[in-house]
Protein backbone atom coordinates (compact mmCIF):
# COMPACT_ATOMS: atom_id res chain seq x y z
CA UNK A 1 110.32 101.80 87.62
CA UNK A 2 113.36 99.96 86.32
CA UNK A 3 116.13 101.61 88.30
CA UNK A 4 119.01 100.15 90.33
CA UNK A 5 120.50 98.52 87.23
CA UNK A 6 117.93 95.72 87.02
CA UNK A 7 117.65 93.43 85.29
CA UNK A 8 121.41 93.04 85.10
CA UNK A 9 122.40 92.28 81.52
CA UNK A 10 124.33 89.03 81.19
CA UNK A 11 124.49 88.14 77.49
CA UNK A 12 124.19 84.50 76.41
CA UNK A 13 125.86 82.98 73.38
CA UNK A 14 123.84 82.11 70.31
CA UNK A 15 121.16 84.80 70.60
CA UNK A 16 120.29 87.56 68.11
CA UNK A 17 121.55 91.04 68.87
CA UNK A 18 118.10 92.52 68.33
CA UNK A 19 114.52 91.24 68.42
CA UNK A 20 111.55 92.90 66.75
CA UNK A 21 108.47 92.68 68.94
CA UNK A 22 105.23 92.37 67.00
CA UNK A 23 102.82 93.96 69.48
CA UNK A 24 99.34 92.42 69.34
CA UNK A 25 97.68 93.90 72.43
CA UNK A 26 95.51 96.41 70.61
CA UNK A 27 94.06 93.71 68.34
CA UNK A 28 94.53 90.20 69.72
CA UNK A 29 94.39 91.49 73.28
CA UNK A 30 91.24 93.59 73.03
CA UNK A 31 89.28 91.28 70.72
CA UNK A 32 88.81 88.88 73.64
CA UNK A 33 87.32 91.48 75.97
CA UNK A 34 83.70 90.93 77.02
CA UNK A 35 82.96 94.65 77.05
CA UNK A 36 83.64 96.83 74.03
CA UNK A 37 86.49 99.28 74.58
CA UNK A 38 85.78 102.82 73.29
CA UNK A 39 87.49 103.69 70.01
CA UNK A 40 89.41 106.65 71.44
CA UNK A 41 90.75 104.46 74.26
CA UNK A 42 92.01 101.96 71.68
CA UNK A 43 93.64 104.77 69.71
CA UNK A 44 95.31 106.14 72.83
CA UNK A 45 96.53 102.64 73.67
CA UNK A 46 98.22 102.39 70.25
CA UNK A 47 99.74 105.86 70.66
CA UNK A 48 101.17 105.00 74.06
CA UNK A 49 102.58 101.71 72.77
CA UNK A 50 104.32 103.63 69.98
CA UNK A 51 105.60 106.11 72.54
CA UNK A 52 107.12 103.23 74.49
CA UNK A 53 109.26 102.32 71.49
CA UNK A 54 107.29 99.51 69.86
CA UNK A 55 107.71 99.71 66.10
CA UNK A 56 105.15 97.13 64.94
CA UNK A 57 101.70 97.46 66.51
CA UNK A 58 98.81 95.41 65.19
CA UNK A 59 96.01 97.97 65.13
CA UNK A 60 92.73 96.17 64.43
CA UNK A 61 90.94 93.58 62.31
CA UNK A 62 88.71 94.10 59.29
CA UNK A 63 86.52 91.09 59.98
CA UNK A 64 82.73 91.10 59.95
CA UNK A 65 81.45 92.68 63.21
CA UNK A 66 79.29 89.61 63.80
CA UNK A 67 82.39 87.50 64.40
CA UNK A 68 84.46 89.95 66.44
CA UNK A 69 82.14 92.72 67.68
CA UNK A 70 84.89 94.22 69.86
CA UNK A 71 86.70 95.33 66.69
CA UNK A 72 83.67 96.56 64.76
CA UNK A 73 85.10 100.10 64.81
CA UNK A 74 88.05 99.36 62.50
CA UNK A 75 87.01 102.09 60.03
CA UNK A 76 86.84 104.64 62.84
CA UNK A 77 90.01 103.53 64.63
CA UNK A 78 92.55 103.18 61.84
CA UNK A 79 92.41 106.84 60.66
CA UNK A 80 93.12 107.93 64.25
CA UNK A 81 96.48 106.11 64.31
CA UNK A 82 97.61 105.64 60.71
CA UNK A 83 99.95 108.65 60.76
CA UNK A 84 102.04 107.26 63.61
CA UNK A 85 105.65 106.55 62.54
CA UNK A 86 105.30 102.80 63.15
CA UNK A 87 104.13 99.75 61.21
CA UNK A 88 100.40 99.17 61.77
CA UNK A 89 99.38 95.76 60.40
CA UNK A 90 95.70 94.81 60.32
CA UNK A 91 93.93 91.48 59.92
CA UNK A 92 91.91 90.82 56.76
CA UNK A 93 89.93 87.55 56.45
CA UNK A 94 88.95 87.88 52.78
CA UNK A 95 88.93 90.21 49.80
CA UNK A 96 86.19 92.37 51.29
CA UNK A 97 88.33 92.89 54.39
CA UNK A 98 91.30 93.74 52.18
CA UNK A 99 89.23 96.32 50.29
CA UNK A 100 88.23 98.01 53.54
CA UNK A 101 91.82 98.08 54.80
CA UNK A 102 93.32 99.39 51.56
CA UNK A 103 90.69 102.11 51.32
CA UNK A 104 91.99 103.51 54.60
CA UNK A 105 95.64 103.36 53.56
CA UNK A 106 96.77 100.17 55.31
CA UNK A 107 100.12 98.92 53.96
CA UNK A 108 100.54 95.83 56.12
CA UNK A 109 97.88 93.13 56.33
CA UNK A 110 97.62 89.64 57.78
CA UNK A 111 95.59 86.55 56.93
CA UNK A 112 94.90 83.90 59.55
CA UNK A 113 94.95 80.21 58.74
CA UNK A 114 94.77 77.04 60.83
CA UNK A 115 96.97 73.97 60.95
CA UNK A 116 93.98 71.81 61.96
CA UNK A 117 90.62 71.07 60.42
CA UNK A 118 88.72 71.52 63.70
CA UNK A 119 89.96 75.05 64.29
CA UNK A 120 89.56 76.00 60.63
CA UNK A 121 85.92 75.01 60.94
CA UNK A 122 85.44 76.85 64.26
CA UNK A 123 87.29 80.01 63.24
CA UNK A 124 86.60 80.27 59.50
CA UNK A 125 83.77 77.81 58.85
CA UNK A 126 85.95 76.19 56.19
CA UNK A 127 88.35 73.31 55.77
CA UNK A 128 92.06 74.08 55.90
CA UNK A 129 92.35 73.90 52.12
CA UNK A 130 89.19 75.96 51.56
CA UNK A 131 90.63 78.66 53.81
CA UNK A 132 93.90 78.64 51.88
CA UNK A 133 91.95 79.01 48.63
CA UNK A 134 90.14 82.01 50.14
CA UNK A 135 93.42 83.65 51.15
CA UNK A 136 95.21 83.21 47.82
CA UNK A 137 93.48 86.08 45.95
CA UNK A 138 93.79 88.25 49.07
CA UNK A 139 97.56 87.76 49.16
CA UNK A 140 97.96 88.08 45.39
CA UNK A 141 95.98 91.33 45.28
CA UNK A 142 97.87 92.77 48.25
CA UNK A 143 101.23 92.03 46.63
CA UNK A 144 100.04 93.59 43.36
CA UNK A 145 99.16 96.90 45.08
CA UNK A 146 101.56 99.65 44.07
CA UNK A 147 104.93 98.81 45.60
CA UNK A 148 103.32 95.85 47.33
CA UNK A 149 101.53 95.53 50.63
CA UNK A 150 103.37 93.49 53.25
CA UNK A 151 101.46 90.29 54.07
CA UNK A 152 101.80 88.25 57.23
CA UNK A 153 100.38 84.75 57.48
CA UNK A 154 99.16 83.68 60.90
CA UNK A 155 98.97 79.97 61.53
CA UNK A 156 96.99 78.83 64.58
CA UNK A 157 97.20 75.49 66.42
CA UNK A 158 100.80 74.79 65.44
CA UNK A 159 101.55 72.84 68.63
CA UNK A 160 98.24 71.43 69.80
CA UNK A 161 94.49 71.64 69.24
CA UNK A 162 91.73 71.49 71.89
CA UNK A 163 89.65 69.13 69.75
CA UNK A 164 92.32 67.09 67.97
CA UNK A 165 95.11 67.01 70.54
CA UNK A 166 98.68 66.75 69.27
CA UNK A 167 99.24 68.24 65.83
CA UNK A 168 101.74 66.37 63.61
CA UNK A 169 104.68 68.54 62.62
CA UNK A 170 104.39 67.67 58.87
CA UNK A 171 100.79 68.91 58.95
CA UNK A 172 101.95 72.30 60.21
CA UNK A 173 104.80 72.44 57.71
CA UNK A 174 102.40 71.79 54.81
CA UNK A 175 100.22 74.79 55.63
CA UNK A 176 103.23 77.03 56.30
CA UNK A 177 104.67 76.09 52.93
CA UNK A 178 101.32 76.85 51.24
CA UNK A 179 101.12 80.32 52.85
CA UNK A 180 104.67 81.12 51.83
CA UNK A 181 104.14 79.85 48.28
CA UNK A 182 101.08 82.07 47.77
CA UNK A 183 103.21 85.13 48.58
CA UNK A 184 103.17 85.78 52.34
CA UNK A 185 106.21 87.80 53.42
CA UNK A 186 106.35 86.34 56.92
CA UNK A 187 104.68 83.64 58.98
CA UNK A 188 103.66 83.69 62.64
CA UNK A 189 103.62 80.26 64.30
CA UNK A 190 100.83 80.26 66.86
CA UNK A 191 100.70 78.18 70.03
CA UNK A 192 97.04 79.07 70.38
CA UNK A 193 96.31 77.01 73.50
CA UNK A 194 99.76 77.34 75.06
CA UNK A 195 100.78 73.66 75.05
CA UNK A 196 104.17 73.95 73.33
CA UNK A 197 107.44 73.04 75.02
CA UNK A 198 110.96 74.08 73.95
CA UNK A 199 111.86 70.78 72.28
CA UNK A 200 108.67 70.91 70.22
CA UNK A 201 109.48 74.48 69.19
CA UNK A 202 112.97 73.52 68.04
CA UNK A 203 111.60 70.46 66.24
CA UNK A 204 109.04 72.45 64.26
CA UNK A 205 111.53 75.17 63.32
CA UNK A 206 114.01 72.56 62.16
CA UNK A 207 111.36 70.75 60.09
CA UNK A 208 110.36 74.02 58.45
CA UNK A 209 113.98 74.75 57.53
CA UNK A 210 114.31 71.28 56.03
CA UNK A 211 111.33 72.04 53.78
CA UNK A 212 112.86 75.27 52.53
CA UNK A 213 111.19 77.73 54.92
CA UNK A 214 113.95 80.09 56.12
CA UNK A 215 114.08 81.13 59.75
CA UNK A 216 114.24 84.77 58.63
CA UNK A 217 110.54 84.75 57.62
CA UNK A 218 109.32 83.15 60.84
CA UNK A 219 107.86 84.76 63.94
CA UNK A 220 106.52 83.02 67.04
CA UNK A 221 103.29 83.64 68.94
CA UNK A 222 103.11 81.92 72.32
CA UNK A 223 100.38 81.79 74.94
CA UNK A 224 101.28 81.24 78.58
CA UNK A 225 98.60 78.70 79.51
CA UNK A 226 101.12 76.29 81.05
CA UNK A 227 103.77 78.86 81.93
CA UNK A 228 105.97 77.94 78.96
CA UNK A 229 105.83 81.08 76.82
CA UNK A 230 109.21 82.55 77.80
CA UNK A 231 110.97 79.19 77.68
CA UNK A 232 109.52 78.56 74.23
CA UNK A 233 110.54 82.04 73.10
CA UNK A 234 114.11 81.47 74.25
CA UNK A 235 114.20 78.20 72.29
CA UNK A 236 113.04 80.03 69.18
CA UNK A 237 115.65 82.78 69.65
CA UNK A 238 118.38 80.18 70.02
CA UNK A 239 117.25 78.79 66.67
CA UNK A 240 117.65 82.25 65.09
CA UNK A 241 114.11 83.65 65.18
CA UNK A 242 114.14 87.44 65.58
CA UNK A 243 110.40 88.28 65.51
CA UNK A 244 108.31 87.60 68.59
CA UNK A 245 104.62 88.37 69.05
CA UNK A 246 103.60 89.68 72.45
CA UNK A 247 100.73 91.56 74.05
CA UNK A 248 101.15 94.54 76.37
CA UNK A 249 100.02 93.57 79.84
CA UNK A 250 99.45 89.97 78.76
CA UNK A 251 96.03 90.82 77.32
CA UNK A 252 94.17 88.42 75.13
CA UNK A 253 93.40 84.86 74.27
CA UNK A 254 91.30 83.53 71.45
CA UNK A 255 87.50 83.83 71.26
CA UNK A 256 87.27 80.67 69.15
CA UNK A 257 89.37 78.40 71.41
CA UNK A 258 88.08 78.51 74.96
CA UNK A 259 91.19 76.88 76.45
CA UNK A 260 93.41 79.68 75.13
CA UNK A 261 94.57 82.02 77.89
CA UNK A 262 96.57 85.21 77.71
CA UNK A 263 99.31 86.00 75.26
CA UNK A 264 102.92 86.30 76.29
CA UNK A 265 103.13 89.67 78.08
CA UNK A 266 105.32 92.17 76.25
CA UNK A 267 106.77 93.41 79.55
CA UNK A 268 107.79 89.90 80.61
CA UNK A 269 109.46 89.40 77.23
CA UNK A 270 111.30 92.74 77.40
CA UNK A 271 112.51 92.02 80.94
CA UNK A 272 113.99 88.70 79.82
CA UNK A 273 115.56 90.18 76.69
CA UNK A 274 117.09 93.08 78.60
CA UNK A 275 118.62 90.61 81.00
CA UNK A 276 120.09 88.71 78.05
CA UNK A 277 121.49 91.88 76.52
CA UNK A 278 119.17 91.63 73.49
CA UNK A 279 118.04 94.99 72.11
CA UNK A 280 114.31 95.66 71.54
CA UNK A 281 114.21 99.46 71.44
CA UNK A 282 111.43 99.38 74.04
CA UNK A 283 111.34 101.63 77.10
CA UNK A 284 110.16 99.18 79.75
CA UNK A 285 109.09 101.86 82.21
CA UNK A 286 106.85 103.57 79.66
CA UNK A 287 105.47 100.24 78.54
CA UNK A 288 104.58 99.25 82.11
CA UNK A 289 102.91 102.62 82.63
CA UNK A 290 100.89 102.04 79.45
CA UNK A 291 99.70 98.63 80.63
CA UNK A 292 98.82 100.00 84.07
CA UNK A 293 96.78 102.71 82.33
CA UNK A 294 95.05 100.13 80.10
CA UNK A 295 94.31 97.91 83.08
CA UNK A 296 92.58 100.89 84.64
CA UNK A 297 90.47 101.32 81.51
CA UNK A 298 89.48 97.64 81.67
CA UNK A 299 88.84 97.71 85.41
CA UNK A 300 91.17 94.89 86.43
CA UNK A 301 94.89 94.39 87.12
CA UNK A 302 97.29 93.30 84.42
CA UNK A 303 98.15 89.59 84.42
CA UNK A 304 101.77 90.39 83.49
CA UNK A 305 104.13 89.48 86.32
CA UNK A 306 106.55 92.22 85.31
CA UNK A 307 103.82 94.86 85.24
CA UNK A 308 102.66 93.80 88.69
CA UNK A 309 106.18 93.72 90.12
CA UNK A 310 107.31 97.06 88.70
CA UNK A 311 104.07 98.95 89.29
CA UNK A 312 103.97 97.65 92.89
CA UNK A 313 107.61 98.63 93.35
CA UNK A 314 106.91 102.09 91.93
CA UNK A 315 103.90 102.54 94.23
CA UNK A 316 105.97 101.56 97.25
CA UNK A 317 108.66 104.03 96.26
CA UNK A 318 106.09 106.80 95.86
CA UNK A 319 104.57 106.01 99.26
CA UNK A 320 108.05 106.04 100.80
CA UNK A 321 108.84 109.46 99.31
CA UNK A 322 105.52 110.86 100.53
CA UNK A 323 106.13 109.49 104.03
CA UNK A 324 109.60 111.09 104.06
CA UNK A 325 108.09 114.46 103.09
CA UNK A 326 105.69 114.30 106.02
CA UNK A 327 108.49 113.78 108.56
C-alpha cells in the first residue's frame, strides 16, 4: 500500500527523532459508536493495532455502563488483551473504577478532568475543583500500588468550550498544575471540539513551561473539526512534544460534547511523520489494513484521508493485476 518510496522523507529542523503515538481508537474511538461493538471484535482490533507496531493502545474505560454503554464490557475485554507486549492504559473515573482495573491487572490508568466548569458538569456532574478532589485519592492509590501504576491525566476543553467559548490559558494551566501536583505522570491536552490553531498551541505550551510544567510530561490530543489537527500537531512537535494521541481510522469524538468530531487519524499522523523523517515504529500498511477491517465491522468507510487514499490505491492495483492475468 505504501510502495514507490512515498511519502518521500524530507526531514525538517527542530523536530524530535521519534514520536510515541498514544492510540485511542479502541476506547475513545469506539465509545462514540451508536451501536455496541462485540467484545471479540474490540479485542481483535487491539491485537491488530499492536501488530501494526503501536506500543501504547488505550484499551477501554472502567466507567459506569450507564454513562458509556459501549464500553460496558471492560471486565470481559481487558483479560483478552492484557498479555499483549504493549502498554494498555484504561480510563478510571473514581476509586471504584480503579478497583475494577487493578483487579484485572491494569498497570496504566487515566483520569479525565476538564478545564471548564460547563464541561465538568456535563461530563462528570461536578465542578472542576470537585472533580480534582475526586481524582486525588485515585491518583494517590495508583501511585502507592506496588512499584506504582502509571497515571495519565486527560484535560478536556483546553482550547475552547461549546458552552463557554474561548478558554483562558491561565485557567488551563491551573488545572494542569493541579493534576501534576497530585501525582499524574503525564498530561494529555485535549482540543475536544477541534478549535485550536498552531499559535494557540504554542502559547499554551509556553505558558505551561513558565509555570513549571515540563514539555516532557505533555501529550496532545487534537480533533480535526476545522481541519487543524495536523497543523496543531506539528506546532506541538516543534515545541518539543513527543507524545501524540491519535485514533486509527479517525474514529471517535466525544459523547458529552456534540460539536466534537473525529480524532486525528493515526494514519494521517504517521504519513506526515514519515514524510518528516520522524520515527514512530508503525507499519503504515498494516495500520491501514486494520482500519479498513474495522470500517467493515462498523459498516461505513473510514474518515481518514490516508486510509481512503491508500486503500483505494491498493484496490486499483489489485484490479490492475487481475485484469493483466485475464489477458
